[in-house]
Amino acid sequence: MAKEKKEHVYTPRDPSVVSFTMSHIRGSDTGIEMKIRKALYEKGYRYRCNSGKVFGHPDIVFPRLKLAIFADSEFWHGYNFEEASKSIHSHLDYWIPKIKRNIERDAAVNAELKREGYTVLRYWGFEIEKDFPRVIKEITDTIDELEGIEKMREGKLVPTTLCYLEKEGKYLMLHRVKEKEDMNQGKWLGVGGHVEKGESVAACLKREVKEETGLTLKKYVYRGYIDFLNDLYPAERMYLYVGKEFEGEMIDCSEGTLAWIDKKDVMDLELWEGDRAFLPLLDKDEEPFHMSLVYHDNKLVKVLGPAYPAKKKKNKKKGKARRNKRK
């Protein structure tokens, strides 16, 4: 049985100790950071520290696995701040706003990293000092899990397309019931299939829509890609689209039964569990996302994402050099 995580009880400190502590907090290479680093290094893990290439400069980061780890001191990062702030009696106009900004910044960093596809782990100093074995086990278990997911991605991901034709608040859904050997037997899906050799993703999209529905796709929106990682089947990268405009007459599909389903009722259908994670995103007016759906024995065990590409920073020096060159 997993060890139950105990709630930390805040104990007020002497105001003079608080003031001294606050004024001597280090921004990096703190004792609690070093304790985690040392333990991970001794276990054979290699990582980067305070990486300027990752948003928020995580204390420890595994770039390939997109894992960011933070070791946070209670005072500086505002643990139980409503109660802890009562122990601060000097320079209130400086420390109180500063810590509140730190709390807001930590929340913003977490949100942006998750948006970029990172798994974020944060630990308070008291956890690291008093419950260190649990902290390290959580970190190493997470590393091993992410390594396992990357291993499933090894080799070439099979490219496929998946399209949800849309009209009058409904999606065209395909109930896959006609092929007994179909891995999607009994499930409701959009339409699509494997990208053939020498075929572009866009060409596959149009071909599959035509073959399965009889409709000619005229306008569509790319919503992103989803890595379907199931230990029972080859790993797939599904390119996801919403079909906005199309023409022609619908046909009977050889792979299942086609039906226009109200968007509000789609979640009531028999779906792959992972589909429930991305279907609500189809209507959102945001840039394309990435998502990984991990299955074991056809049961969903992990959803990574949605992740959105990090915004590229403009190279001001390069732009300036180009302008000077034109002159």
C-alpha atoms as a PDB file:
ATOM      1  CA  MET A   1       0.000   0.000   0.000  1.00  0.00           C
ATOM      2  CA  ALA A   2       1.331   3.441  -0.941  1.00  0.00           C
ATOM      3  CA  LYS A   3       2.500   5.601   1.919  1.00  0.00           C
ATOM      4  CA  GLU A   4      -0.056   8.280   2.714  1.00  0.00           C
ATOM      5  CA  LYS A   5       1.194  11.817   2.171  1.00  0.00           C
ATOM      6  CA  LYS A   6       0.933  13.798   5.420  1.00  0.00           C
ATOM      7  CA  GLU A   7      -0.250  17.388   5.469  1.00  0.00           C
ATOM      8  CA  HIS A   8       2.461  19.751   6.636  1.00  0.00           C
ATOM      9  CA  VAL A   9       1.478  21.844   9.659  1.00  0.00           C
ATOM     10  CA  TYR A  10       2.814  25.376   9.512  1.00  0.00           C
ATOM     11  CA  THR A  11       4.614  26.531  12.679  1.00  0.00           C
ATOM     12  CA  PRO A  12       5.027  30.314  13.099  1.00  0.00           C
ATOM     13  CA  ARG A  13       8.642  31.481  13.328  1.00  0.00           C
ATOM     14  CA  ASP A  14      10.360  34.259  15.181  1.00  0.00           C
ATOM     15  CA  PRO A  15      10.064  37.511  13.122  1.00  0.00           C
ATOM     16  CA  SER A  16      13.813  38.174  13.279  1.00  0.00           C
ATOM     17  CA  VAL A  17      14.508  34.683  11.911  1.00  0.00           C
ATOM     18  CA  VAL A  18      11.997  35.244   9.143  1.00  0.00           C
ATOM     19  CA  SER A  19      13.565  38.550   8.131  1.00  0.00           C
ATOM     20  CA  PHE A  20      17.067  37.090   8.097  1.00  0.00           C
ATOM     21  CA  THR A  21      15.933  34.014   6.129  1.00  0.00           C
ATOM     22  CA  MET A  22      14.061  36.053   3.537  1.00  0.00           C
ATOM     23  CA  SER A  23      17.006  38.316   2.865  1.00  0.00           C
ATOM     24  CA  HIS A  24      19.440  35.430   2.379  1.00  0.00           C
ATOM     25  CA  ILE A  25      17.457  33.152   0.076  1.00  0.00           C
ATOM     26  CA  ARG A  26      19.453  31.956  -2.917  1.00  0.00           C
ATOM     27  CA  GLY A  27      17.915  31.886  -6.348  1.00  0.00           C
ATOM     28  CA  SER A  28      19.598  28.646  -7.433  1.00  0.00           C
ATOM     29  CA  ASP A  29      21.812  25.813  -6.180  1.00  0.00           C
ATOM     30  CA  THR A  30      19.962  25.755  -2.878  1.00  0.00           C
ATOM     31  CA  GLY A  31      20.455  22.939  -0.387  1.00  0.00           C
ATOM     32  CA  ILE A  32      17.166  21.277  -1.258  1.00  0.00           C
ATOM     33  CA  GLU A  33      17.960  21.438  -4.996  1.00  0.00           C
ATOM     34  CA  MET A  34      21.403  19.955  -4.446  1.00  0.00           C
ATOM     35  CA  LYS A  35      19.970  17.140  -2.349  1.00  0.00           C
ATOM     36  CA  ILE A  36      17.709  16.023  -5.188  1.00  0.00           C
ATOM     37  CA  ARG A  37      20.431  16.474  -7.813  1.00  0.00           C
ATOM     38  CA  LYS A  38      22.916  14.390  -5.860  1.00  0.00           C
ATOM     39  CA  ALA A  39      20.460  11.536  -5.319  1.00  0.00           C
ATOM     40  CA  LEU A  40      19.461  11.448  -9.001  1.00  0.00           C
ATOM     41  CA  TYR A  41      23.085  11.635 -10.156  1.00  0.00           C
ATOM     42  CA  GLU A  42      24.051   8.754  -7.879  1.00  0.00           C
ATOM     43  CA  LYS A  43      21.236   6.700  -9.414  1.00  0.00           C
ATOM     44  CA  GLY A  44      22.700   7.311 -12.869  1.00  0.00           C
ATOM     45  CA  TYR A  45      20.300   9.978 -14.133  1.00  0.00           C
ATOM     46  CA  ARG A  46      21.671  12.938 -16.102  1.00  0.00           C
ATOM     47  CA  TYR A  47      19.870  16.234 -16.363  1.00  0.00           C
ATOM     48  CA  ARG A  48      20.262  19.980 -16.813  1.00  0.00           C
ATOM     49  CA  CYS A  49      20.085  22.580 -14.077  1.00  0.00           C
ATOM     50  CA  ASN A  50      18.342  25.974 -14.238  1.00  0.00           C
ATOM     51  CA  SER A  51      18.123  25.708 -18.024  1.00  0.00           C
ATOM     52  CA  GLY A  52      17.641  29.068 -19.689  1.00  0.00           C
ATOM     53  CA  LYS A  53      16.215  27.273 -22.731  1.00  0.00           C
ATOM     54  CA  VAL A  54      13.171  26.093 -20.773  1.00  0.00           C
ATOM     55  CA  PHE A  55      10.465  28.500 -19.643  1.00  0.00           C
ATOM     56  CA  GLY A  56      10.675  29.284 -15.938  1.00  0.00           C
ATOM     57  CA  HIS A  57      14.270  27.983 -15.576  1.00  0.00           C
ATOM     58  CA  PRO A  58      13.375  24.707 -13.787  1.00  0.00           C
ATOM     59  CA  ASP A  59      15.793  23.663 -11.055  1.00  0.00           C
ATOM     60  CA  ILE A  60      16.191  20.288 -12.763  1.00  0.00           C
ATOM     61  CA  VAL A  61      15.053  19.438 -16.278  1.00  0.00           C
ATOM     62  CA  PHE A  62      15.102  16.365 -18.503  1.00  0.00           C
ATOM     63  CA  PRO A  63      14.680  17.983 -21.951  1.00  0.00           C
ATOM     64  CA  ARG A  64      14.115  14.816 -23.986  1.00  0.00           C
ATOM     65  CA  LEU A  65      11.424  13.594 -21.606  1.00  0.00           C
ATOM     66  CA  LYS A  66      10.019  17.087 -21.092  1.00  0.00           C
ATOM     67  CA  LEU A  67      10.158  16.746 -17.314  1.00  0.00           C
ATOM     68  CA  ALA A  68      10.666  19.839 -15.148  1.00  0.00           C
ATOM     69  CA  ILE A  69      11.366  19.650 -11.410  1.00  0.00           C
ATOM     70  CA  PHE A  70      11.261  22.509  -8.906  1.00  0.00           C
ATOM     71  CA  ALA A  71      12.448  22.569  -5.292  1.00  0.00           C
ATOM     72  CA  ASP A  72      10.608  25.421  -3.554  1.00  0.00           C
ATOM     73  CA  SER A  73      11.376  26.983  -0.181  1.00  0.00           C
ATOM     74  CA  GLU A  74       8.264  27.566   1.905  1.00  0.00           C
ATOM     75  CA  PHE A  75       8.835  31.267   2.601  1.00  0.00           C
ATOM     76  CA  TRP A  76      10.005  32.336  -0.829  1.00  0.00           C
ATOM     77  CA  HIS A  77       7.260  30.505  -2.717  1.00  0.00           C
ATOM     78  CA  GLY A  78       4.461  31.151  -0.241  1.00  0.00           C
ATOM     79  CA  TYR A  79       3.508  27.850   1.349  1.00  0.00           C
ATOM     80  CA  ASN A  80       0.320  28.362   3.390  1.00  0.00           C
ATOM     81  CA  PHE A  81       0.933  32.056   2.787  1.00  0.00           C
ATOM     82  CA  GLU A  82      -2.200  33.413   4.449  1.00  0.00           C
ATOM     83  CA  GLU A  83      -0.981  31.991   7.764  1.00  0.00           C
ATOM     84  CA  ALA A  84       2.756  32.346   7.139  1.00  0.00           C
ATOM     85  CA  SER A  85       2.482  36.040   6.250  1.00  0.00           C
ATOM     86  CA  LYS A  86       1.474  36.790   9.859  1.00  0.00           C
ATOM     87  CA  SER A  87       5.066  36.023  10.889  1.00  0.00           C
ATOM     88  CA  ILE A  88       6.462  38.804   8.700  1.00  0.00           C
ATOM     89  CA  HIS A  89       6.588  42.017  10.757  1.00  0.00           C
ATOM     90  CA  SER A  90       9.193  44.095   8.964  1.00  0.00           C
ATOM     91  CA  HIS A  91       9.359  45.499   5.422  1.00  0.00           C
ATOM     92  CA  LEU A  92       5.790  44.336   4.812  1.00  0.00           C
ATOM     93  CA  ASP A  93       5.391  46.624   1.821  1.00  0.00           C
ATOM     94  CA  TYR A  94       8.301  44.771   0.158  1.00  0.00           C
ATOM     95  CA  TRP A  95       8.072  41.109   1.213  1.00  0.00           C
ATOM     96  CA  ILE A  96       4.299  40.585   1.020  1.00  0.00           C
ATOM     97  CA  PRO A  97       3.891  41.814  -2.586  1.00  0.00           C
ATOM     98  CA  LYS A  98       7.116  40.063  -3.597  1.00  0.00           C
ATOM     99  CA  ILE A  99       5.995  36.661  -2.338  1.00  0.00           C
ATOM    100  CA  LYS A 100       2.538  37.119  -3.867  1.00  0.00           C
ATOM    101  CA  ARG A 101       4.230  37.796  -7.195  1.00  0.00           C
ATOM    102  CA  ASN A 102       6.289  34.626  -6.731  1.00  0.00           C
ATOM    103  CA  ILE A 103       3.111  32.602  -6.121  1.00  0.00           C
ATOM    104  CA  GLU A 104       1.517  34.054  -9.264  1.00  0.00           C
ATOM    105  CA  ARG A 105       4.695  33.474 -11.256  1.00  0.00           C
ATOM    106  CA  ASP A 106       4.903  29.814 -10.141  1.00  0.00           C
ATOM    107  CA  ALA A 107       1.318  29.254 -11.295  1.00  0.00           C
ATOM    108  CA  ALA A 108       2.076  30.943 -14.634  1.00  0.00           C
ATOM    109  CA  VAL A 109       5.243  28.853 -15.098  1.00  0.00           C
ATOM    110  CA  ASN A 110       3.330  25.633 -14.378  1.00  0.00           C
ATOM    111  CA  ALA A 111       0.624  26.581 -16.881  1.00  0.00           C
ATOM    112  CA  GLU A 112       3.067  27.508 -19.650  1.00  0.00           C
ATOM    113  CA  LEU A 113       5.226  24.417 -19.182  1.00  0.00           C
ATOM    114  CA  LYS A 114       2.179  22.155 -19.289  1.00  0.00           C
ATOM    115  CA  ARG A 115       1.025  24.035 -22.371  1.00  0.00           C
ATOM    116  CA  GLU A 116       4.384  23.193 -23.971  1.00  0.00           C
ATOM    117  CA  GLY A 117       3.995  19.525 -23.069  1.00  0.00           C
ATOM    118  CA  TYR A 118       6.113  19.307 -19.913  1.00  0.00           C
ATOM    119  CA  THR A 119       5.353  17.170 -16.898  1.00  0.00           C
ATOM    120  CA  VAL A 120       5.913  19.427 -13.875  1.00  0.00           C
ATOM    121  CA  LEU A 121       6.881  18.225 -10.407  1.00  0.00           C
ATOM    122  CA  ARG A 122       7.160  20.701  -7.513  1.00  0.00           C
ATOM    123  CA  TYR A 123       8.310  19.891  -4.000  1.00  0.00           C
ATOM    124  CA  TRP A 124       8.376  22.005  -0.870  1.00  0.00           C
ATOM    125  CA  GLY A 125      11.526  22.161   1.196  1.00  0.00           C
ATOM    126  CA  PHE A 126       9.893  20.318   4.115  1.00  0.00           C
ATOM    127  CA  GLU A 127       8.964  17.429   1.802  1.00  0.00           C
ATOM    128  CA  ILE A 128      12.546  17.140   0.608  1.00  0.00           C
ATOM    129  CA  GLU A 129      13.944  17.319   4.133  1.00  0.00           C
ATOM    130  CA  LYS A 130      11.426  15.088   5.927  1.00  0.00           C
ATOM    131  CA  ASP A 131      10.076  12.735   3.274  1.00  0.00           C
ATOM    132  CA  PHE A 132      12.997  12.438   0.879  1.00  0.00           C
ATOM    133  CA  PRO A 133      12.592   8.731  -0.093  1.00  0.00           C
ATOM    134  CA  ARG A 134       9.029   9.418  -1.303  1.00  0.00           C
ATOM    135  CA  VAL A 135      10.152  12.475  -3.271  1.00  0.00           C
ATOM    136  CA  ILE A 136      12.929  10.596  -5.042  1.00  0.00           C
ATOM    137  CA  LYS A 137      10.683   7.604  -5.731  1.00  0.00           C
ATOM    138  CA  GLU A 138       8.041   9.865  -7.287  1.00  0.00           C
ATOM    139  CA  ILE A 139      10.666  11.501  -9.492  1.00  0.00           C
ATOM    140  CA  THR A 140      12.295   8.238 -10.605  1.00  0.00           C
ATOM    141  CA  ASP A 141       8.908   6.580 -11.189  1.00  0.00           C
ATOM    142  CA  THR A 142       7.935   9.527 -13.386  1.00  0.00           C
ATOM    143  CA  ILE A 143      11.227   9.320 -15.298  1.00  0.00           C
ATOM    144  CA  ASP A 144      10.767   5.581 -15.851  1.00  0.00           C
ATOM    145  CA  GLU A 145       7.183   6.114 -17.013  1.00  0.00           C
ATOM    146  CA  LEU A 146       8.194   8.820 -19.483  1.00  0.00           C
ATOM    147  CA  GLU A 147      11.095   6.675 -20.703  1.00  0.00           C
ATOM    148  CA  GLY A 148       8.633   3.860 -21.336  1.00  0.00           C
ATOM    149  CA  ILE A 149       6.429   6.176 -23.363  1.00  0.00           C
ATOM    150  CA  GLU A 150       9.417   7.317 -25.430  1.00  0.00           C
ATOM    151  CA  LYS A 151      10.351   3.683 -26.038  1.00  0.00           C
ATOM    152  CA  MET A 152       6.866   3.072 -27.466  1.00  0.00           C
ATOM    153  CA  ARG A 153       7.592   5.951 -29.844  1.00  0.00           C
ATOM    154  CA  GLU A 154      10.848   4.395 -31.064  1.00  0.00           C
ATOM    155  CA  GLY A 155      11.029   3.674 -34.751  1.00  0.00           C
ATOM    156  CA  LYS A 156       8.704   5.176 -37.310  1.00  0.00           C
ATOM    157  CA  LEU A 157       5.241   6.173 -36.150  1.00  0.00           C
ATOM    158  CA  VAL A 158       2.604   4.986 -38.621  1.00  0.00           C
ATOM    159  CA  PRO A 159       1.017   8.147 -40.111  1.00  0.00           C
ATOM    160  CA  THR A 160      -2.780   8.247 -40.269  1.00  0.00           C
ATOM    161  CA  THR A 161      -5.482  10.875 -40.693  1.00  0.00           C
ATOM    162  CA  LEU A 162      -8.632  11.431 -38.666  1.00  0.00           C
ATOM    163  CA  CYS A 163     -11.299  13.893 -39.797  1.00  0.00           C
ATOM    164  CA  TYR A 164     -14.549  15.045 -38.189  1.00  0.00           C
ATOM    165  CA  LEU A 165     -16.880  16.483 -40.830  1.00  0.00           C
ATOM    166  CA  GLU A 166     -19.007  19.216 -39.285  1.00  0.00           C
ATOM    167  CA  LYS A 167     -22.367  20.752 -40.178  1.00  0.00           C
ATOM    168  CA  GLU A 168     -25.229  22.377 -38.264  1.00  0.00           C
ATOM    169  CA  GLY A 169     -23.738  21.589 -34.853  1.00  0.00           C
ATOM    170  CA  LYS A 170     -23.144  17.926 -35.685  1.00  0.00           C
ATOM    171  CA  TYR A 171     -20.173  15.660 -36.456  1.00  0.00           C
ATOM    172  CA  LEU A 172     -20.262  12.859 -38.988  1.00  0.00           C
ATOM    173  CA  MET A 173     -19.331   9.793 -36.945  1.00  0.00           C
ATOM    174  CA  LEU A 174     -18.480   6.301 -38.183  1.00  0.00           C
ATOM    175  CA  HIS A 175     -19.598   3.333 -36.065  1.00  0.00           C
ATOM    176  CA  ARG A 176     -17.016   0.664 -36.850  1.00  0.00           C
ATOM    177  CA  VAL A 177     -19.109  -2.518 -36.767  1.00  0.00           C
ATOM    178  CA  LYS A 178     -18.625  -4.219 -40.143  1.00  0.00           C
ATOM    179  CA  GLU A 179     -15.091  -5.637 -39.932  1.00  0.00           C
ATOM    180  CA  LYS A 180     -14.482  -8.282 -37.258  1.00  0.00           C
ATOM    181  CA  GLU A 181     -10.693  -7.871 -37.259  1.00  0.00           C
ATOM    182  CA  ASP A 182     -10.922  -4.084 -36.916  1.00  0.00           C
ATOM    183  CA  MET A 183      -8.948  -2.754 -33.934  1.00  0.00           C
ATOM    184  CA  ASN A 184     -11.695  -0.123 -33.645  1.00  0.00           C
ATOM    185  CA  GLN A 185     -14.503  -2.699 -33.577  1.00  0.00           C
ATOM    186  CA  GLY A 186     -17.580  -1.245 -31.887  1.00  0.00           C
ATOM    187  CA  LYS A 187     -16.088   2.245 -31.509  1.00  0.00           C
ATOM    188  CA  TRP A 188     -17.390   5.528 -32.938  1.00  0.00           C
ATOM    189  CA  LEU A 189     -14.743   7.582 -34.758  1.00  0.00           C
ATOM    190  CA  GLY A 190     -14.262  10.275 -37.310  1.00  0.00           C
ATOM    191  CA  VAL A 191     -13.279   9.123 -40.785  1.00  0.00           C
ATOM    192  CA  GLY A 192      -9.729   8.498 -41.931  1.00  0.00           C
ATOM    193  CA  GLY A 193      -7.018   5.924 -42.354  1.00  0.00           C
ATOM    194  CA  HIS A 194      -3.380   5.151 -43.102  1.00  0.00           C
ATOM    195  CA  VAL A 195      -1.250   7.426 -45.254  1.00  0.00           C
ATOM    196  CA  GLU A 196      -0.082   5.351 -48.201  1.00  0.00           C
ATOM    197  CA  LYS A 197       3.516   5.239 -49.425  1.00  0.00           C
ATOM    198  CA  GLY A 198       4.362   8.355 -51.430  1.00  0.00           C
ATOM    199  CA  GLU A 199       1.095  10.034 -50.398  1.00  0.00           C
ATOM    200  CA  SER A 200       0.919  13.371 -48.600  1.00  0.00           C
ATOM    201  CA  VAL A 201      -1.146  13.729 -45.425  1.00  0.00           C
ATOM    202  CA  ALA A 202      -3.523  16.153 -47.183  1.00  0.00           C
ATOM    203  CA  ALA A 203      -4.009  13.749 -50.087  1.00  0.00           C
ATOM    204  CA  CYS A 204      -4.717  10.919 -47.649  1.00  0.00           C
ATOM    205  CA  LEU A 205      -7.233  13.065 -45.809  1.00  0.00           C
ATOM    206  CA  LYS A 206      -9.232  13.818 -48.976  1.00  0.00           C
ATOM    207  CA  ARG A 207      -8.976  10.254 -50.273  1.00  0.00           C
ATOM    208  CA  GLU A 208     -10.170   8.682 -47.027  1.00  0.00           C
ATOM    209  CA  VAL A 209     -13.103  11.091 -46.709  1.00  0.00           C
ATOM    210  CA  LYS A 210     -14.124  10.296 -50.284  1.00  0.00           C
ATOM    211  CA  GLU A 211     -13.743   6.530 -49.915  1.00  0.00           C
ATOM    212  CA  GLU A 212     -15.568   6.258 -46.592  1.00  0.00           C
ATOM    213  CA  THR A 213     -18.330   8.851 -47.073  1.00  0.00           C
ATOM    214  CA  GLY A 214     -18.620   9.587 -50.800  1.00  0.00           C
ATOM    215  CA  LEU A 215     -18.188  13.296 -50.002  1.00  0.00           C
ATOM    216  CA  THR A 216     -15.564  15.555 -51.573  1.00  0.00           C
ATOM    217  CA  LEU A 217     -13.759  17.621 -48.983  1.00  0.00           C
ATOM    218  CA  LYS A 218     -13.415  21.278 -50.010  1.00  0.00           C
ATOM    219  CA  LYS A 219     -12.322  23.089 -46.853  1.00  0.00           C
ATOM    220  CA  TYR A 220     -10.746  21.725 -43.697  1.00  0.00           C
ATOM    221  CA  VAL A 221      -8.884  22.925 -40.598  1.00  0.00           C
ATOM    222  CA  TYR A 222      -5.808  21.221 -39.151  1.00  0.00           C
ATOM    223  CA  ARG A 223      -6.153  20.796 -35.371  1.00  0.00           C
ATOM    224  CA  GLY A 224      -2.891  18.995 -34.565  1.00  0.00           C
ATOM    225  CA  TYR A 225      -1.533  15.487 -34.178  1.00  0.00           C
ATOM    226  CA  ILE A 226      -2.094  12.739 -31.646  1.00  0.00           C
ATOM    227  CA  ASP A 227       0.346   9.945 -30.895  1.00  0.00           C
ATOM    228  CA  PHE A 228      -1.701   6.802 -30.289  1.00  0.00           C
ATOM    229  CA  LEU A 229       0.571   4.528 -28.248  1.00  0.00           C
ATOM    230  CA  ASN A 230      -1.008   1.153 -27.578  1.00  0.00           C
ATOM    231  CA  ASP A 231       1.132  -1.818 -26.584  1.00  0.00           C
ATOM    232  CA  LEU A 232      -1.156  -4.100 -28.623  1.00  0.00           C
ATOM    233  CA  TYR A 233      -0.715  -2.238 -31.934  1.00  0.00           C
ATOM    234  CA  PRO A 234       1.940  -0.340 -33.894  1.00  0.00           C
ATOM    235  CA  ALA A 235       2.355   3.239 -32.682  1.00  0.00           C
ATOM    236  CA  GLU A 236       0.407   5.766 -34.764  1.00  0.00           C
ATOM    237  CA  ARG A 237       0.634   9.489 -35.341  1.00  0.00           C
ATOM    238  CA  MET A 238      -2.877  10.645 -36.191  1.00  0.00           C
ATOM    239  CA  TYR A 239      -3.175  13.971 -37.998  1.00  0.00           C
ATOM    240  CA  LEU A 240      -6.419  15.510 -36.817  1.00  0.00           C
ATOM    241  CA  TYR A 241      -8.732  17.668 -38.954  1.00  0.00           C
ATOM    242  CA  VAL A 242     -12.192  19.216 -38.912  1.00  0.00           C
ATOM    243  CA  GLY A 243     -13.970  19.197 -42.280  1.00  0.00           C
ATOM    244  CA  LYS A 244     -15.761  22.513 -42.774  1.00  0.00           C
ATOM    245  CA  GLU A 245     -16.991  22.356 -46.370  1.00  0.00           C
ATOM    246  CA  PHE A 246     -17.749  19.353 -48.577  1.00  0.00           C
ATOM    247  CA  GLU A 247     -20.059  18.324 -51.387  1.00  0.00           C
ATOM    248  CA  GLY A 248     -21.633  15.243 -52.931  1.00  0.00           C
ATOM    249  CA  GLU A 249     -23.944  12.456 -51.804  1.00  0.00           C
ATOM    250  CA  MET A 250     -23.153  10.171 -48.880  1.00  0.00           C
ATOM    251  CA  ILE A 251     -22.653   6.479 -49.550  1.00  0.00           C
ATOM    252  CA  ASP A 252     -22.888   3.361 -47.424  1.00  0.00           C
ATOM    253  CA  CYS A 253     -19.487   2.831 -45.831  1.00  0.00           C
ATOM    254  CA  SER A 254     -17.974  -0.637 -46.063  1.00  0.00           C
ATOM    255  CA  GLU A 255     -16.263  -0.202 -42.678  1.00  0.00           C
ATOM    256  CA  GLY A 256     -19.263   0.789 -40.577  1.00  0.00           C
ATOM    257  CA  THR A 257     -22.386   2.897 -40.232  1.00  0.00           C
ATOM    258  CA  LEU A 258     -22.244   6.666 -40.779  1.00  0.00           C
ATOM    259  CA  ALA A 259     -24.430   9.006 -38.713  1.00  0.00           C
ATOM    260  CA  TRP A 260     -24.635  12.740 -38.016  1.00  0.00           C
ATOM    261  CA  ILE A 261     -24.430  13.133 -34.227  1.00  0.00           C
ATOM    262  CA  ASP A 262     -25.105  16.309 -32.244  1.00  0.00           C
ATOM    263  CA  LYS A 263     -21.835  17.511 -30.720  1.00  0.00           C
ATOM    264  CA  LYS A 264     -23.403  17.496 -27.254  1.00  0.00           C
ATOM    265  CA  ASP A 265     -24.225  13.795 -27.655  1.00  0.00           C
ATOM    266  CA  VAL A 266     -20.880  12.581 -29.018  1.00  0.00           C
ATOM    267  CA  MET A 267     -19.458  11.896 -25.556  1.00  0.00           C
ATOM    268  CA  ASP A 268     -22.323   9.478 -24.881  1.00  0.00           C
ATOM    269  CA  LEU A 269     -21.131   7.184 -27.688  1.00  0.00           C
ATOM    270  CA  GLU A 270     -18.797   4.220 -27.284  1.00  0.00           C
ATOM    271  CA  LEU A 271     -15.452   5.929 -27.869  1.00  0.00           C
ATOM    272  CA  TRP A 272     -11.810   5.238 -27.233  1.00  0.00           C
ATOM    273  CA  GLU A 273     -11.254   6.799 -23.795  1.00  0.00           C
ATOM    274  CA  GLY A 274      -8.461   8.968 -25.174  1.00  0.00           C
ATOM    275  CA  ASP A 275     -10.829  10.465 -27.741  1.00  0.00           C
ATOM    276  CA  ARG A 276     -12.695  12.067 -24.861  1.00  0.00           C
ATOM    277  CA  ALA A 277      -9.539  14.064 -24.146  1.00  0.00           C
ATOM    278  CA  PHE A 278      -9.224  15.685 -27.573  1.00  0.00           C
ATOM    279  CA  LEU A 279     -12.799  15.918 -28.890  1.00  0.00           C
ATOM    280  CA  PRO A 280     -13.652  18.981 -26.732  1.00  0.00           C
ATOM    281  CA  LEU A 281     -10.612  20.742 -28.263  1.00  0.00           C
ATOM    282  CA  LEU A 282     -11.896  20.547 -31.828  1.00  0.00           C
ATOM    283  CA  ASP A 283     -14.060  23.641 -31.400  1.00  0.00           C
ATOM    284  CA  LYS A 284     -11.434  25.743 -29.636  1.00  0.00           C
ATOM    285  CA  ASP A 285      -9.967  28.533 -31.712  1.00  0.00           C
ATOM    286  CA  GLU A 286      -6.338  27.926 -30.795  1.00  0.00           C
ATOM    287  CA  GLU A 287      -3.183  26.930 -32.603  1.00  0.00           C
ATOM    288  CA  PRO A 288      -2.677  23.201 -33.405  1.00  0.00           C
ATOM    289  CA  PHE A 289      -1.926  21.000 -30.417  1.00  0.00           C
ATOM    290  CA  HIS A 290       0.021  17.813 -29.754  1.00  0.00           C
ATOM    291  CA  MET A 291      -1.216  15.022 -27.528  1.00  0.00           C
ATOM    292  CA  SER A 292      -0.068  11.534 -26.588  1.00  0.00           C
ATOM    293  CA  LEU A 293      -2.553   8.836 -25.583  1.00  0.00           C
ATOM    294  CA  VAL A 294      -0.974   5.825 -23.886  1.00  0.00           C
ATOM    295  CA  TYR A 295      -2.858   2.526 -23.642  1.00  0.00           C
ATOM    296  CA  HIS A 296      -2.056  -0.759 -21.945  1.00  0.00           C
ATOM    297  CA  ASP A 297      -4.234  -3.723 -22.935  1.00  0.00           C
ATOM    298  CA  ASN A 298      -6.572  -1.235 -24.645  1.00  0.00           C
ATOM    299  CA  LYS A 299      -7.076   0.701 -21.411  1.00  0.00           C
ATOM    300  CA  LEU A 300      -6.057   4.356 -21.272  1.00  0.00           C
ATOM    301  CA  VAL A 301      -3.278   4.826 -18.703  1.00  0.00           C
ATOM    302  CA  LYS A 302      -1.824   8.232 -19.551  1.00  0.00           C
ATOM    303  CA  VAL A 303      -2.714  11.425 -21.396  1.00  0.00           C
ATOM    304  CA  LEU A 304       0.142  13.796 -22.186  1.00  0.00           C
ATOM    305  CA  GLY A 305      -1.071  17.166 -23.390  1.00  0.00           C
ATOM    306  CA  PRO A 306      -2.619  18.984 -24.988  1.00  0.00           C
ATOM    307  CA  ALA A 307       0.688  20.672 -25.701  1.00  0.00           C
ATOM    308  CA  TYR A 308       1.191  23.676 -27.899  1.00  0.00           C
ATOM    309  CA  PRO A 309       4.448  24.610 -29.652  1.00  0.00           C
ATOM    310  CA  ALA A 310       6.482  27.172 -27.726  1.00  0.00           C
ATOM    311  CA  LYS A 311       6.298  30.617 -29.257  1.00  0.00           C
ATOM    312  CA  LYS A 312       9.465  31.361 -31.182  1.00  0.00           C
ATOM    313  CA  LYS A 313      11.390  34.400 -30.047  1.00  0.00           C
ATOM    314  CA  LYS A 314      12.350  36.874 -32.699  1.00  0.00           C
ATOM    315  CA  ASN A 315      16.064  37.267 -33.208  1.00  0.00           C
ATOM    316  CA  LYS A 316      16.439  41.033 -32.936  1.00  0.00           C
ATOM    317  CA  LYS A 317      20.151  40.962 -33.741  1.00  0.00           C
ATOM    318  CA  LYS A 318      19.561  38.954 -36.918  1.00  0.00           C
ATOM    319  CA  GLY A 319      16.758  41.296 -37.968  1.00  0.00           C
ATOM    320  CA  LYS A 320      18.940  44.327 -37.336  1.00  0.00           C
ATOM    321  CA  ALA A 321      21.796  42.797 -39.340  1.00  0.00           C
ATOM    322  CA  ARG A 322      19.460  42.182 -42.269  1.00  0.00           C
ATOM    323  CA  ARG A 323      18.212  45.761 -42.186  1.00  0.00           C
ATOM    324  CA  ASN A 324      21.778  47.073 -42.142  1.00  0.00           C
ATOM    325  CA  LYS A 325      22.654  44.796 -45.063  1.00  0.00           C
ATOM    326  CA  ARG A 326      19.768  46.226 -47.101  1.00  0.00           C
ATOM    327  CA  LYS A 327      21.094  49.733 -46.428  1.00  0.00           C
END
